[in-house]
C-alpha atoms as a PDB file:
ATOM      1  CA  MET A   1       0.000   0.000   0.000  1.00  0.00           C
ATOM      2  CA  LYS A   2       2.800   2.403   0.889  1.00  0.00           C
ATOM      3  CA  ARG A   3       4.048   2.341  -2.678  1.00  0.00           C
ATOM      4  CA  LEU A   4       0.930   4.302  -3.605  1.00  0.00           C
ATOM      5  CA  ILE A   5       1.746   7.260  -1.387  1.00  0.00           C
ATOM      6  CA  LYS A   6       3.752  10.122  -2.852  1.00  0.00           C
ATOM      7  CA  HIS A   7       3.717  13.517  -1.187  1.00  0.00           C
ATOM      8  CA  PHE A   8       4.340  17.040  -2.526  1.00  0.00           C
ATOM      9  CA  LEU A   9       3.466  16.245  -6.147  1.00  0.00           C
ATOM     10  CA  PRO A  10       0.787  17.895  -8.301  1.00  0.00           C
ATOM     11  CA  CYS A  11      -2.419  15.949  -7.975  1.00  0.00           C
ATOM     12  CA  LEU A  12      -6.078  15.785  -8.778  1.00  0.00           C
ATOM     13  CA  LEU A  13      -7.853  16.513  -5.518  1.00  0.00           C
ATOM     14  CA  LEU A  14     -10.831  14.331  -4.632  1.00  0.00           C
ATOM     15  CA  ALA A  15     -13.212  17.181  -3.959  1.00  0.00           C
ATOM     16  CA  ALA A  16     -16.181  18.467  -5.899  1.00  0.00           C
ATOM     17  CA  CYS A  17     -15.525  21.727  -7.751  1.00  0.00           C
ATOM     18  CA  ILE A  18     -18.262  23.892  -9.222  1.00  0.00           C
ATOM     19  CA  PHE A  19     -18.366  24.004 -13.007  1.00  0.00           C
ATOM     20  CA  SER A  20     -20.933  25.115 -15.538  1.00  0.00           C
ATOM     21  CA  LEU A  21     -22.254  22.692 -18.120  1.00  0.00           C
ATOM     22  CA  THR A  22     -19.978  22.962 -21.141  1.00  0.00           C
ATOM     23  CA  GLY A  23     -20.210  21.628 -24.644  1.00  0.00           C
ATOM     24  CA  CYS A  24     -17.366  19.709 -26.251  1.00  0.00           C
ATOM     25  CA  THR A  25     -16.115  19.098 -29.749  1.00  0.00           C
ATOM     26  CA  LYS A  26     -13.990  16.312 -31.136  1.00  0.00           C
ATOM     27  CA  PRO A  27     -10.474  17.064 -29.848  1.00  0.00           C
ATOM     28  CA  PRO A  28      -7.234  16.957 -31.789  1.00  0.00           C
ATOM     29  CA  ALA A  29      -5.281  13.730 -31.353  1.00  0.00           C
ATOM     30  CA  GLY A  30      -3.933  13.407 -27.816  1.00  0.00           C
ATOM     31  CA  GLU A  31      -6.259  16.018 -26.319  1.00  0.00           C
ATOM     32  CA  SER A  32      -9.251  15.406 -24.080  1.00  0.00           C
ATOM     33  CA  LEU A  33     -12.990  15.982 -24.076  1.00  0.00           C
ATOM     34  CA  GLU A  34     -14.750  16.819 -20.828  1.00  0.00           C
ATOM     35  CA  ALA A  35     -18.367  17.248 -19.788  1.00  0.00           C
ATOM     36  CA  PHE A  36     -19.905  18.555 -16.552  1.00  0.00           C
ATOM     37  CA  GLY A  37     -23.366  18.362 -15.085  1.00  0.00           C
ATOM     38  CA  THR A  38     -25.420  18.201 -11.922  1.00  0.00           C
ATOM     39  CA  TYR A  39     -26.887  14.830 -11.015  1.00  0.00           C
ATOM     40  CA  PHE A  40     -27.456  12.937  -7.755  1.00  0.00           C
ATOM     41  CA  ASP A  41     -27.409  16.273  -5.904  1.00  0.00           C
ATOM     42  CA  THR A  42     -23.753  16.777  -6.805  1.00  0.00           C
ATOM     43  CA  ILE A  43     -21.450  18.110  -9.523  1.00  0.00           C
ATOM     44  CA  ILE A  44     -20.059  15.443 -11.849  1.00  0.00           C
ATOM     45  CA  SER A  45     -17.344  15.493 -14.486  1.00  0.00           C
ATOM     46  CA  ILE A  46     -16.423  12.951 -17.150  1.00  0.00           C
ATOM     47  CA  LYS A  47     -13.174  13.310 -19.087  1.00  0.00           C
ATOM     48  CA  ILE A  48     -11.983  11.122 -21.955  1.00  0.00           C
ATOM     49  CA  TRP A  49      -9.047  11.047 -24.315  1.00  0.00           C
ATOM     50  CA  GLY A  50     -10.209  10.026 -27.777  1.00  0.00           C
ATOM     51  CA  GLY A  51     -13.770   9.455 -28.908  1.00  0.00           C
ATOM     52  CA  GLU A  52     -16.405  12.050 -29.697  1.00  0.00           C
ATOM     53  CA  GLU A  53     -18.780  14.347 -27.842  1.00  0.00           C
ATOM     54  CA  ALA A  54     -21.670  11.953 -28.476  1.00  0.00           C
ATOM     55  CA  LEU A  55     -20.122   9.537 -25.971  1.00  0.00           C
ATOM     56  CA  LEU A  56     -20.249  12.146 -23.237  1.00  0.00           C
ATOM     57  CA  ASP A  57     -23.794  13.088 -24.198  1.00  0.00           C
ATOM     58  CA  HIS A  58     -24.788   9.456 -23.790  1.00  0.00           C
ATOM     59  CA  CYS A  59     -23.062   9.324 -20.383  1.00  0.00           C
ATOM     60  CA  LYS A  60     -25.165  12.285 -19.250  1.00  0.00           C
ATOM     61  CA  GLU A  61     -28.275  10.513 -20.503  1.00  0.00           C
ATOM     62  CA  MET A  62     -27.246   7.477 -18.453  1.00  0.00           C
ATOM     63  CA  CYS A  63     -26.815   9.651 -15.356  1.00  0.00           C
ATOM     64  CA  SER A  64     -30.271  11.118 -15.848  1.00  0.00           C
ATOM     65  CA  ARG A  65     -31.800   7.663 -16.248  1.00  0.00           C
ATOM     66  CA  TYR A  66     -30.109   6.316 -13.115  1.00  0.00           C
ATOM     67  CA  GLU A  67     -31.239   9.355 -11.144  1.00  0.00           C
ATOM     68  CA  GLN A  68     -34.794   8.601 -12.243  1.00  0.00           C
ATOM     69  CA  LEU A  69     -34.394   5.009 -11.017  1.00  0.00           C
ATOM     70  CA  PHE A  70     -32.487   5.391  -7.752  1.00  0.00           C
ATOM     71  CA  SER A  71     -33.396   8.795  -6.295  1.00  0.00           C
ATOM     72  CA  ARG A  72     -35.222   8.737  -2.971  1.00  0.00           C
ATOM     73  CA  THR A  73     -36.704  12.182  -3.626  1.00  0.00           C
ATOM     74  CA  ILE A  74     -38.115  11.773  -7.160  1.00  0.00           C
ATOM     75  CA  PRO A  75     -41.662  10.428  -6.601  1.00  0.00           C
ATOM     76  CA  THR A  76     -41.698   8.307  -9.767  1.00  0.00           C
ATOM     77  CA  SER A  77     -38.339   6.589  -9.172  1.00  0.00           C
ATOM     78  CA  ASP A  78     -38.149   2.876  -8.413  1.00  0.00           C
ATOM     79  CA  ILE A  79     -36.875   3.580  -4.886  1.00  0.00           C
ATOM     80  CA  SER A  80     -39.623   6.112  -4.135  1.00  0.00           C
ATOM     81  CA  ARG A  81     -42.269   3.708  -5.395  1.00  0.00           C
ATOM     82  CA  ILE A  82     -40.915   0.956  -3.122  1.00  0.00           C
ATOM     83  CA  ASN A  83     -40.854   3.304  -0.138  1.00  0.00           C
ATOM     84  CA  ALA A  84     -44.383   4.592  -0.824  1.00  0.00           C
ATOM     85  CA  ALA A  85     -45.888   1.122  -1.242  1.00  0.00           C
ATOM     86  CA  LYS A  86     -46.328   0.615   2.534  1.00  0.00           C
ATOM     87  CA  GLY A  87     -45.296  -3.020   2.408  1.00  0.00           C
ATOM     88  CA  GLN A  88     -46.831  -3.910  -0.953  1.00  0.00           C
ATOM     89  CA  SER A  89     -44.653  -5.570  -3.578  1.00  0.00           C
ATOM     90  CA  VAL A  90     -43.261  -3.344  -6.342  1.00  0.00           C
ATOM     91  CA  GLU A  91     -41.800  -4.435  -9.680  1.00  0.00           C
ATOM     92  CA  VAL A  92     -38.679  -2.481 -10.629  1.00  0.00           C
ATOM     93  CA  ASP A  93     -35.931  -2.259 -13.252  1.00  0.00           C
ATOM     94  CA  ASP A  94     -33.225  -4.927 -13.573  1.00  0.00           C
ATOM     95  CA  GLU A  95     -30.515  -2.456 -12.574  1.00  0.00           C
ATOM     96  CA  THR A  96     -32.454  -1.332  -9.512  1.00  0.00           C
ATOM     97  CA  ILE A  97     -32.506  -4.986  -8.420  1.00  0.00           C
ATOM     98  CA  GLU A  98     -28.786  -5.267  -9.121  1.00  0.00           C
ATOM     99  CA  LEU A  99     -28.012  -2.231  -6.965  1.00  0.00           C
ATOM    100  CA  ILE A 100     -30.323  -3.258  -4.121  1.00  0.00           C
ATOM    101  CA  LYS A 101     -28.672  -6.687  -4.001  1.00  0.00           C
ATOM    102  CA  LYS A 102     -25.248  -5.049  -3.806  1.00  0.00           C
ATOM    103  CA  GLY A 103     -26.482  -2.835  -0.968  1.00  0.00           C
ATOM    104  CA  LEU A 104     -27.877  -5.856   0.858  1.00  0.00           C
ATOM    105  CA  TYR A 105     -24.502  -7.574   0.488  1.00  0.00           C
ATOM    106  CA  TYR A 106     -22.713  -4.742   2.279  1.00  0.00           C
ATOM    107  CA  SER A 107     -25.489  -4.533   4.849  1.00  0.00           C
ATOM    108  CA  GLU A 108     -24.920  -8.209   5.588  1.00  0.00           C
ATOM    109  CA  ILE A 109     -21.115  -8.240   5.774  1.00  0.00           C
ATOM    110  CA  SER A 110     -21.224  -5.235   8.130  1.00  0.00           C
ATOM    111  CA  ASN A 111     -23.871  -6.934  10.281  1.00  0.00           C
ATOM    112  CA  GLY A 112     -26.159  -3.974   9.730  1.00  0.00           C
ATOM    113  CA  SER A 113     -23.660  -1.201  10.485  1.00  0.00           C
ATOM    114  CA  PHE A 114     -24.207  -0.240   6.857  1.00  0.00           C
ATOM    115  CA  ASP A 115     -27.939  -0.537   6.175  1.00  0.00           C
ATOM    116  CA  ILE A 116     -29.805   0.428   3.010  1.00  0.00           C
ATOM    117  CA  THR A 117     -32.988   0.994   5.048  1.00  0.00           C
ATOM    118  CA  ILE A 118     -31.381   3.920   6.894  1.00  0.00           C
ATOM    119  CA  ALA A 119     -33.869   6.341   5.264  1.00  0.00           C
ATOM    120  CA  PRO A 120     -36.143   6.844   8.322  1.00  0.00           C
ATOM    121  CA  LEU A 121     -33.137   8.071  10.324  1.00  0.00           C
ATOM    122  CA  SER A 122     -31.701  10.076   7.418  1.00  0.00           C
ATOM    123  CA  GLU A 123     -35.009  11.865   6.963  1.00  0.00           C
ATOM    124  CA  LEU A 124     -35.322  12.552  10.683  1.00  0.00           C
ATOM    125  CA  TRP A 125     -31.854  14.072  11.026  1.00  0.00           C
ATOM    126  CA  ASP A 126     -31.874  15.761   7.560  1.00  0.00           C
ATOM    127  CA  ILE A 127     -28.246  16.738   8.104  1.00  0.00           C
ATOM    128  CA  LYS A 128     -27.929  18.621   4.822  1.00  0.00           C
ATOM    129  CA  ASN A 129     -30.671  21.120   5.745  1.00  0.00           C
ATOM    130  CA  ASN A 130     -30.504  20.888   9.532  1.00  0.00           C
ATOM    131  CA  PRO A 131     -29.565  24.233  11.156  1.00  0.00           C
ATOM    132  CA  GLY A 132     -28.565  22.497  14.383  1.00  0.00           C
ATOM    133  CA  ASN A 133     -31.579  20.664  15.762  1.00  0.00           C
ATOM    134  CA  ILE A 134     -30.967  17.319  17.468  1.00  0.00           C
ATOM    135  CA  PRO A 135     -34.025  15.052  17.220  1.00  0.00           C
ATOM    136  CA  ASP A 136     -35.600  14.026  20.515  1.00  0.00           C
ATOM    137  CA  ALA A 137     -34.847  10.563  21.866  1.00  0.00           C
ATOM    138  CA  ALA A 138     -38.364   9.223  21.289  1.00  0.00           C
ATOM    139  CA  SER A 139     -38.288  10.207  17.611  1.00  0.00           C
ATOM    140  CA  ILE A 140     -34.876   8.604  17.164  1.00  0.00           C
ATOM    141  CA  GLU A 141     -36.088   5.376  18.771  1.00  0.00           C
ATOM    142  CA  GLU A 142     -39.134   5.306  16.520  1.00  0.00           C
ATOM    143  CA  ALA A 143     -37.120   5.940  13.361  1.00  0.00           C
ATOM    144  CA  LYS A 144     -34.419   3.374  14.088  1.00  0.00           C
ATOM    145  CA  SER A 145     -37.027   0.717  14.879  1.00  0.00           C
ATOM    146  CA  HIS A 146     -37.796   0.715  11.142  1.00  0.00           C
ATOM    147  CA  VAL A 147     -34.163   0.331  10.043  1.00  0.00           C
ATOM    148  CA  ASP A 148     -33.469  -3.326   9.253  1.00  0.00           C
ATOM    149  CA  TYR A 149     -32.118  -4.485   5.912  1.00  0.00           C
ATOM    150  CA  ARG A 150     -33.408  -7.999   6.647  1.00  0.00           C
ATOM    151  CA  LYS A 151     -36.930  -6.694   6.007  1.00  0.00           C
ATOM    152  CA  VAL A 152     -36.080  -6.112   2.319  1.00  0.00           C
ATOM    153  CA  LYS A 153     -37.204  -9.089   0.222  1.00  0.00           C
ATOM    154  CA  VAL A 154     -36.181  -9.445  -3.420  1.00  0.00           C
ATOM    155  CA  GLU A 155     -37.815 -12.015  -5.676  1.00  0.00           C
ATOM    156  CA  GLY A 156     -37.024 -11.682  -9.354  1.00  0.00           C
ATOM    157  CA  ASN A 157     -37.765  -8.070 -10.227  1.00  0.00           C
ATOM    158  CA  THR A 158     -40.074  -7.571  -7.257  1.00  0.00           C
ATOM    159  CA  VAL A 159     -39.096  -5.782  -4.031  1.00  0.00           C
ATOM    160  CA  THR A 160     -41.129  -5.933  -0.821  1.00  0.00           C
ATOM    161  CA  LEU A 161     -40.526  -4.067   2.437  1.00  0.00           C
ATOM    162  CA  GLU A 162     -41.896  -6.318   5.165  1.00  0.00           C
ATOM    163  CA  ASP A 163     -42.051  -3.315   7.499  1.00  0.00           C
ATOM    164  CA  PRO A 164     -44.559  -0.855   5.935  1.00  0.00           C
ATOM    165  CA  LYS A 165     -42.741   2.062   7.597  1.00  0.00           C
ATOM    166  CA  ALA A 166     -39.308   1.041   6.341  1.00  0.00           C
ATOM    167  CA  ALA A 167     -37.643   2.953   3.497  1.00  0.00           C
ATOM    168  CA  ILE A 168     -34.627   2.360   1.284  1.00  0.00           C
ATOM    169  CA  ASP A 169     -31.845   4.903   0.759  1.00  0.00           C
ATOM    170  CA  LEU A 170     -29.144   3.874  -1.747  1.00  0.00           C
ATOM    171  CA  GLY A 171     -27.177   7.120  -1.409  1.00  0.00           C
ATOM    172  CA  GLY A 172     -24.288   5.287   0.245  1.00  0.00           C
ATOM    173  CA  ILE A 173     -23.646   3.077  -2.772  1.00  0.00           C
ATOM    174  CA  ALA A 174     -25.412   4.376  -5.889  1.00  0.00           C
ATOM    175  CA  LYS A 175     -22.709   6.712  -7.223  1.00  0.00           C
ATOM    176  CA  GLY A 176     -20.130   3.943  -7.271  1.00  0.00           C
ATOM    177  CA  PHE A 177     -22.534   1.660  -9.108  1.00  0.00           C
ATOM    178  CA  ILE A 178     -23.269   4.367 -11.690  1.00  0.00           C
ATOM    179  CA  ALA A 179     -19.566   5.194 -12.173  1.00  0.00           C
ATOM    180  CA  ASP A 180     -18.885   1.538 -12.989  1.00  0.00           C
ATOM    181  CA  LYS A 181     -21.711   1.533 -15.550  1.00  0.00           C
ATOM    182  CA  LEU A 182     -20.350   4.692 -17.207  1.00  0.00           C
ATOM    183  CA  LYS A 183     -16.876   3.168 -17.372  1.00  0.00           C
ATOM    184  CA  ALA A 184     -18.173  -0.067 -18.889  1.00  0.00           C
ATOM    185  CA  TYR A 185     -20.017   1.910 -21.571  1.00  0.00           C
ATOM    186  CA  LEU A 186     -17.019   4.079 -22.454  1.00  0.00           C
ATOM    187  CA  LYS A 187     -14.692   1.080 -22.644  1.00  0.00           C
ATOM    188  CA  SER A 188     -17.182  -0.701 -24.901  1.00  0.00           C
ATOM    189  CA  GLU A 189     -16.908   2.321 -27.216  1.00  0.00           C
ATOM    190  CA  GLY A 190     -13.129   2.030 -27.380  1.00  0.00           C
ATOM    191  CA  ILE A 191     -12.107   4.593 -24.754  1.00  0.00           C
ATOM    192  CA  GLU A 192      -8.797   3.558 -23.157  1.00  0.00           C
ATOM    193  CA  HIS A 193      -8.018   6.645 -21.046  1.00  0.00           C
ATOM    194  CA  GLY A 194     -10.446   8.616 -18.919  1.00  0.00           C
ATOM    195  CA  GLN A 195     -11.663   9.921 -15.556  1.00  0.00           C
ATOM    196  CA  ILE A 196     -15.140   9.753 -14.078  1.00  0.00           C
ATOM    197  CA  ASP A 197     -15.779  11.929 -11.014  1.00  0.00           C
ATOM    198  CA  LEU A 198     -19.235  11.691  -9.473  1.00  0.00           C
ATOM    199  CA  GLY A 199     -18.954  14.221  -6.699  1.00  0.00           C
ATOM    200  CA  GLY A 200     -15.744  12.785  -5.251  1.00  0.00           C
ATOM    201  CA  ASN A 201     -16.274   9.165  -6.323  1.00  0.00           C
ATOM    202  CA  LEU A 202     -13.365   9.016  -8.734  1.00  0.00           C
ATOM    203  CA  LEU A 203     -12.883   6.178 -11.221  1.00  0.00           C
ATOM    204  CA  THR A 204     -10.201   6.001 -13.895  1.00  0.00           C
ATOM    205  CA  ILE A 205     -10.172   4.257 -17.248  1.00  0.00           C
ATOM    206  CA  GLY A 206      -6.710   2.850 -17.889  1.00  0.00           C
ATOM    207  CA  SER A 207      -3.792   5.209 -17.399  1.00  0.00           C
ATOM    208  CA  LYS A 208      -2.842   8.651 -18.631  1.00  0.00           C
ATOM    209  CA  THR A 209      -2.122   8.771 -22.352  1.00  0.00           C
ATOM    210  CA  ASP A 210       1.635   8.620 -21.661  1.00  0.00           C
ATOM    211  CA  GLY A 211       1.165   5.359 -19.727  1.00  0.00           C
ATOM    212  CA  SER A 212       1.724   6.871 -16.286  1.00  0.00           C
ATOM    213  CA  ASP A 213      -0.674   6.458 -13.356  1.00  0.00           C
ATOM    214  CA  PHE A 214      -3.262   9.025 -12.363  1.00  0.00           C
ATOM    215  CA  HIS A 215      -2.120  10.963  -9.284  1.00  0.00           C
ATOM    216  CA  ILE A 216      -5.085  11.506  -6.952  1.00  0.00           C
ATOM    217  CA  GLY A 217      -5.195  13.707  -3.870  1.00  0.00           C
ATOM    218  CA  ILE A 218      -7.195  12.555  -0.851  1.00  0.00           C
ATOM    219  CA  GLN A 219      -9.172  15.402   0.719  1.00  0.00           C
ATOM    220  CA  LYS A 220      -7.996  16.465   4.169  1.00  0.00           C
ATOM    221  CA  PRO A 221     -11.040  16.389   6.483  1.00  0.00           C
ATOM    222  CA  PHE A 222     -12.365  19.848   7.394  1.00  0.00           C
ATOM    223  CA  ALA A 223      -9.623  21.636   5.432  1.00  0.00           C
ATOM    224  CA  LYS A 224     -10.588  25.208   4.554  1.00  0.00           C
ATOM    225  CA  THR A 225      -9.472  24.750   0.956  1.00  0.00           C
ATOM    226  CA  ASN A 226      -9.052  21.748  -1.330  1.00  0.00           C
ATOM    227  CA  GLU A 227      -6.069  20.460   0.616  1.00  0.00           C
ATOM    228  CA  ALA A 228      -4.808  16.885   0.279  1.00  0.00           C
ATOM    229  CA  ILE A 229      -3.889  14.883   3.357  1.00  0.00           C
ATOM    230  CA  THR A 230      -2.080  12.360   1.133  1.00  0.00           C
ATOM    231  CA  THR A 231      -2.093  11.107  -2.454  1.00  0.00           C
ATOM    232  CA  VAL A 232      -2.406   7.799  -4.287  1.00  0.00           C
ATOM    233  CA  ASP A 233      -1.346   6.666  -7.741  1.00  0.00           C
ATOM    234  CA  ILE A 234      -3.927   4.522  -9.530  1.00  0.00           C
ATOM    235  CA  HIS A 235      -4.303   2.758 -12.874  1.00  0.00           C
ATOM    236  CA  ASP A 236      -7.752   1.644 -14.020  1.00  0.00           C
ATOM    237  CA  GLN A 237      -9.033   1.858 -10.433  1.00  0.00           C
ATOM    238  CA  SER A 238     -11.425   3.715  -8.165  1.00  0.00           C
ATOM    239  CA  VAL A 239     -10.854   6.003  -5.171  1.00  0.00           C
ATOM    240  CA  VAL A 240     -13.809   6.723  -2.867  1.00  0.00           C
ATOM    241  CA  SER A 241     -13.854   8.471   0.508  1.00  0.00           C
ATOM    242  CA  SER A 242     -16.489   8.727   3.240  1.00  0.00           C
ATOM    243  CA  GLY A 243     -16.036  11.121   6.111  1.00  0.00           C
ATOM    244  CA  THR A 244     -17.571  13.233   8.827  1.00  0.00           C
ATOM    245  CA  TYR A 245     -16.682  16.481   7.029  1.00  0.00           C
ATOM    246  CA  GLU A 246     -18.932  15.870   4.001  1.00  0.00           C
ATOM    247  CA  ARG A 247     -22.254  16.930   5.561  1.00  0.00           C
ATOM    248  CA  TYR A 248     -22.568  17.996   9.174  1.00  0.00           C
ATOM    249  CA  PHE A 249     -23.621  20.653  11.641  1.00  0.00           C
ATOM    250  CA  LYS A 250     -22.000  21.662  14.897  1.00  0.00           C
ATOM    251  CA  LYS A 251     -23.813  22.250  18.162  1.00  0.00           C
ATOM    252  CA  ASP A 252     -22.283  22.989  21.571  1.00  0.00           C
ATOM    253  CA  GLY A 253     -18.868  22.203  20.130  1.00  0.00           C
ATOM    254  CA  LYS A 254     -19.877  18.736  18.914  1.00  0.00           C
ATOM    255  CA  ILE A 255     -20.113  17.685  15.261  1.00  0.00           C
ATOM    256  CA  TYR A 256     -23.206  15.817  14.091  1.00  0.00           C
ATOM    257  CA  HIS A 257     -22.524  14.305  10.667  1.00  0.00           C
ATOM    258  CA  HIS A 258     -24.501  12.352   8.056  1.00  0.00           C
ATOM    259  CA  LEU A 259     -23.005   8.898   8.722  1.00  0.00           C
ATOM    260  CA  LEU A 260     -25.675   7.535  11.056  1.00  0.00           C
ATOM    261  CA  ASP A 261     -25.383   4.441  13.235  1.00  0.00           C
ATOM    262  CA  PRO A 262     -28.440   2.206  12.706  1.00  0.00           C
ATOM    263  CA  LYS A 263     -27.924   0.683  16.151  1.00  0.00           C
ATOM    264  CA  THR A 264     -27.957   3.949  18.139  1.00  0.00           C
ATOM    265  CA  GLY A 265     -29.780   6.303  15.780  1.00  0.00           C
ATOM    266  CA  TYR A 266     -27.048   8.918  16.231  1.00  0.00           C
ATOM    267  CA  PRO A 267     -24.007   9.784  14.067  1.00  0.00           C
ATOM    268  CA  PHE A 268     -21.132   7.337  14.482  1.00  0.00           C
ATOM    269  CA  ASP A 269     -18.669   8.403  17.176  1.00  0.00           C
ATOM    270  CA  ASN A 270     -15.751   5.994  16.807  1.00  0.00           C
ATOM    271  CA  GLY A 271     -12.644   8.133  16.502  1.00  0.00           C
ATOM    272  CA  LEU A 272     -12.601   8.209  12.687  1.00  0.00           C
ATOM    273  CA  LEU A 273     -12.749  11.236  10.429  1.00  0.00           C
ATOM    274  CA  GLN A 274     -12.538   9.492   7.073  1.00  0.00           C
ATOM    275  CA  VAL A 275     -12.078   6.212   5.240  1.00  0.00           C
ATOM    276  CA  THR A 276     -10.758   6.020   1.674  1.00  0.00           C
ATOM    277  CA  ILE A 277     -11.011   2.858  -0.410  1.00  0.00           C
ATOM    278  CA  ILE A 278      -8.898   2.016  -3.467  1.00  0.00           C
ATOM    279  CA  SER A 279     -10.552  -0.761  -5.480  1.00  0.00           C
ATOM    280  CA  ASN A 280     -11.110  -2.017  -9.002  1.00  0.00           C
ATOM    281  CA  GLN A 281     -14.874  -1.418  -8.867  1.00  0.00           C
ATOM    282  CA  SER A 282     -16.247   1.917  -7.683  1.00  0.00           C
ATOM    283  CA  VAL A 283     -19.373   0.289  -6.211  1.00  0.00           C
ATOM    284  CA  ASP A 284     -17.080  -1.641  -3.866  1.00  0.00           C
ATOM    285  CA  GLY A 285     -15.276   1.560  -2.933  1.00  0.00           C
ATOM    286  CA  ASP A 286     -18.596   3.230  -2.186  1.00  0.00           C
ATOM    287  CA  GLY A 287     -19.964   0.350  -0.128  1.00  0.00           C
ATOM    288  CA  LEU A 288     -16.719  -0.346   1.719  1.00  0.00           C
ATOM    289  CA  SER A 289     -15.866   3.271   2.545  1.00  0.00           C
ATOM    290  CA  THR A 290     -19.152   3.613   4.423  1.00  0.00           C
ATOM    291  CA  THR A 291     -19.015   0.085   5.840  1.00  0.00           C
ATOM    292  CA  CYS A 292     -15.462   0.456   7.142  1.00  0.00           C
ATOM    293  CA  PHE A 293     -16.262   3.848   8.632  1.00  0.00           C
ATOM    294  CA  ALA A 294     -19.203   2.268  10.412  1.00  0.00           C
ATOM    295  CA  LEU A 295     -17.113  -0.654  11.682  1.00  0.00           C
ATOM    296  CA  GLY A 296     -14.331   1.578  13.012  1.00  0.00           C
ATOM    297  CA  LEU A 297     -10.556   1.288  12.631  1.00  0.00           C
ATOM    298  CA  GLU A 298      -9.983  -2.149  14.150  1.00  0.00           C
ATOM    299  CA  GLU A 299     -12.923  -4.049  12.661  1.00  0.00           C
ATOM    300  CA  GLY A 300     -12.728  -2.105   9.393  1.00  0.00           C
ATOM    301  CA  THR A 301      -9.074  -3.069   9.016  1.00  0.00           C
ATOM    302  CA  LYS A 302      -9.920  -6.723   9.627  1.00  0.00           C
ATOM    303  CA  LEU A 303     -12.558  -6.597   6.911  1.00  0.00           C
ATOM    304  CA  ILE A 304     -10.192  -5.035   4.360  1.00  0.00           C
ATOM    305  CA  GLU A 305      -7.506  -7.619   5.157  1.00  0.00           C
ATOM    306  CA  SER A 306     -10.027 -10.393   4.446  1.00  0.00           C
ATOM    307  CA  LEU A 307     -10.756  -9.063   0.938  1.00  0.00           C
ATOM    308  CA  ASP A 308      -8.716  -9.334  -2.258  1.00  0.00           C
ATOM    309  CA  ASN A 309      -7.560  -6.344  -4.312  1.00  0.00           C
ATOM    310  CA  ILE A 310      -8.887  -3.753  -1.839  1.00  0.00           C
ATOM    311  CA  GLN A 311      -6.810  -1.106  -0.067  1.00  0.00           C
ATOM    312  CA  ALA A 312      -7.903   1.388   2.573  1.00  0.00           C
ATOM    313  CA  ILE A 313      -6.668   4.523   4.284  1.00  0.00           C
ATOM    314  CA  PHE A 314      -8.253   5.343   7.656  1.00  0.00           C
ATOM    315  CA  VAL A 315      -7.905   8.862   9.077  1.00  0.00           C
ATOM    316  CA  THR A 316      -8.361   9.076  12.843  1.00  0.00           C
ATOM    317  CA  GLU A 317      -9.346  12.174  14.826  1.00  0.00           C
ATOM    318  CA  ASP A 318      -5.689  13.083  15.387  1.00  0.00           C
ATOM    319  CA  TYR A 319      -5.253  13.093  11.585  1.00  0.00           C
ATOM    320  CA  SER A 320      -3.046  10.009  11.672  1.00  0.00           C
ATOM    321  CA  LEU A 321      -3.131   7.774   8.595  1.00  0.00           C
ATOM    322  CA  HIS A 322      -3.660   4.028   8.970  1.00  0.00           C
ATOM    323  CA  TYR A 323      -3.241   1.721   5.961  1.00  0.00           C
ATOM    324  CA  ALA A 324      -4.823  -1.648   5.297  1.00  0.00           C
ATOM    325  CA  ASP A 325      -4.698  -4.031   2.326  1.00  0.00           C
END
């Protein structure tokens, strides 16, 4: 793992930057095409070397389609229809089933520390829009009583929530899944070099055009500017981070962040600030970054060491770096 770390070099920082939607034309040989947009409540960018603008247009169409399938806030999406069915069975798209099954896998290997039915708690806390209000204990108990991934039943293309008040939230894994789908499409169209950044979920296609690795900066938690705490070199891989600094509010000197513990109903408080996963598949990076954060340093490290071709960087509250592979 240590071979990946190189300090004080120019890097691409894993942090979302604000861009306007720009058109692209076919580039001269060796130059890149890049497209930007807003999907999944975040800024995305897709950059390719070779190919034509039509490929990027299709990628944006794919993003729009996946948003319409997986969003918890679009009433007509597959996930919203499942959540609104109050325990009735709902038939959904093949890819929605694929993503739910992946989410259930990570829910299971984390013993529920990562749980795709976290929505009742997420909605209660509403960290993104919360000005600093801590829910009362009774409301937290009620919400967490409906968080249990084992109540999600999948049969063919049909999904049933056995608890009528349960609700699915795939926000902890969807962007990685979508990034992998975009990469597969671009590679099928002959693209050999590229970058896909879905709001900090970064996935590369091959290497740079000169054959060298992509140099990626890992965001320093709570840094005032886009400051890297360390960097990694990757080739045809994914880098995904989950941390307390992404969405939070502070009250009475204490930080309340968006990574909620299904067992307590409150944000995790385990001494971690961030977990970064380097993996071949971005969906695994997405699922494991949240899962390992939930498990904590010791148990998260054990999980990573039990898996093949996965590397992790844990950042503890003293900003120390801990590596696992």
